[in-house]
């Protein structure tokens, strides 16, 4: 259940963000969460997986592999970041 008070929402979000895997920038709005091989595309709260590995990310980014052929079965949940993705769907 979402807290009613905005200050409480902010406190909870900050608490979760402080322990979330930090994002390592790759290029533009593409990032690798620390401790993960996966690549995320992060634009504000619009977050999607953009590769299960750095190699796959480059294949997709350079149009060597269509995004639709990403190995979606290999995607693993990433604390905090996956929660935001789920909340936006």
Protein backbone atom coordinates (compact mmCIF):
# COMPACT_ATOMS: atom_id res chain seq x y z
CA UNK A 1 0.00 0.00 0.00
CA UNK A 2 1.32 3.42 -0.97
CA UNK A 3 1.88 5.81 1.95
CA UNK A 4 -0.53 8.75 2.02
CA UNK A 5 1.96 11.46 3.00
CA UNK A 6 4.37 12.67 0.34
CA UNK A 7 7.12 13.06 2.94
CA UNK A 8 6.72 9.38 3.86
CA UNK A 9 6.88 8.38 0.17
CA UNK A 10 10.08 10.39 -0.24
CA UNK A 11 11.62 8.85 2.88
CA UNK A 12 10.86 5.30 1.68
CA UNK A 13 12.13 5.99 -1.85
CA UNK A 14 15.38 7.47 -0.51
CA UNK A 15 15.82 4.54 1.86
CA UNK A 16 15.45 2.05 -1.01
CA UNK A 17 17.60 4.10 -3.39
CA UNK A 18 20.44 4.30 -0.86
CA UNK A 19 20.83 0.51 -0.89
CA UNK A 20 20.05 0.00 -4.60
CA UNK A 21 22.82 -1.17 -6.93
CA UNK A 22 24.45 1.97 -8.34
CA UNK A 23 24.26 2.49 -12.09
CA UNK A 24 27.53 2.50 -14.03
CA UNK A 25 27.17 4.65 -17.18
CA UNK A 26 27.96 3.02 -20.50
CA UNK A 27 26.62 5.43 -23.11
CA UNK A 28 23.88 8.06 -23.09
CA UNK A 29 21.07 6.60 -20.95
CA UNK A 30 22.43 3.03 -20.93
CA UNK A 31 23.76 1.69 -17.64
CA UNK A 32 25.00 -1.47 -15.96
CA UNK A 33 23.79 -1.90 -12.39
CA UNK A 34 26.73 -2.61 -10.11
CA UNK A 35 27.20 -6.34 -9.59
CA UNK A 36 25.21 -7.26 -12.73
CA UNK A 37 26.17 -8.13 -16.31
CA UNK A 38 22.85 -6.80 -17.59
CA UNK A 39 22.35 -3.44 -19.26
CA UNK A 40 19.44 -1.11 -18.56
CA UNK A 41 18.09 1.79 -20.54
CA UNK A 42 17.12 4.42 -17.97
CA UNK A 43 15.30 7.60 -18.89
CA UNK A 44 13.70 9.07 -15.78
CA UNK A 45 11.37 6.29 -14.58
CA UNK A 46 11.16 4.68 -18.03
CA UNK A 47 13.47 1.71 -17.45
CA UNK A 48 13.87 -1.38 -19.64
CA UNK A 49 16.42 -4.13 -20.04
CA UNK A 50 18.66 -3.47 -23.04
CA UNK A 51 20.90 -6.52 -22.92
CA UNK A 52 21.56 -9.54 -20.74
CA UNK A 53 25.30 -8.90 -21.12
CA UNK A 54 27.48 -6.04 -22.28
CA UNK A 55 28.18 -7.96 -25.51
CA UNK A 56 24.48 -8.39 -26.22
CA UNK A 57 23.90 -4.68 -25.49
CA UNK A 58 26.51 -3.71 -28.12
CA UNK A 59 25.00 -6.15 -30.62
CA UNK A 60 21.59 -4.53 -30.15
CA UNK A 61 22.90 -0.94 -30.03
CA UNK A 62 24.92 -1.43 -33.22
CA UNK A 63 21.97 -3.10 -35.02
CA UNK A 64 23.78 -6.45 -35.27
CA UNK A 65 20.92 -8.08 -33.37
CA UNK A 66 17.29 -6.96 -33.18
CA UNK A 67 16.08 -5.95 -29.71
CA UNK A 68 13.25 -8.47 -30.05
CA UNK A 69 15.84 -11.28 -30.20
CA UNK A 70 17.39 -10.37 -26.84
CA UNK A 71 17.69 -13.44 -24.62
CA UNK A 72 14.78 -12.41 -22.37
CA UNK A 73 14.87 -15.78 -20.56
CA UNK A 74 18.26 -14.84 -19.05
CA UNK A 75 17.02 -11.62 -17.43
CA UNK A 76 17.39 -11.58 -13.65
CA UNK A 77 15.66 -9.22 -11.26
CA UNK A 78 17.76 -6.31 -10.03
CA UNK A 79 16.81 -4.94 -6.61
CA UNK A 80 15.13 -1.52 -6.74
CA UNK A 81 15.43 -1.11 -10.53
CA UNK A 82 13.16 -4.05 -11.37
CA UNK A 83 10.67 -2.78 -8.77
CA UNK A 84 10.47 0.54 -10.62
CA UNK A 85 9.96 -1.31 -13.93
CA UNK A 86 7.15 -3.39 -12.40
CA UNK A 87 5.51 -0.31 -10.86
CA UNK A 88 5.38 1.39 -14.27
CA UNK A 89 3.63 -1.55 -15.98
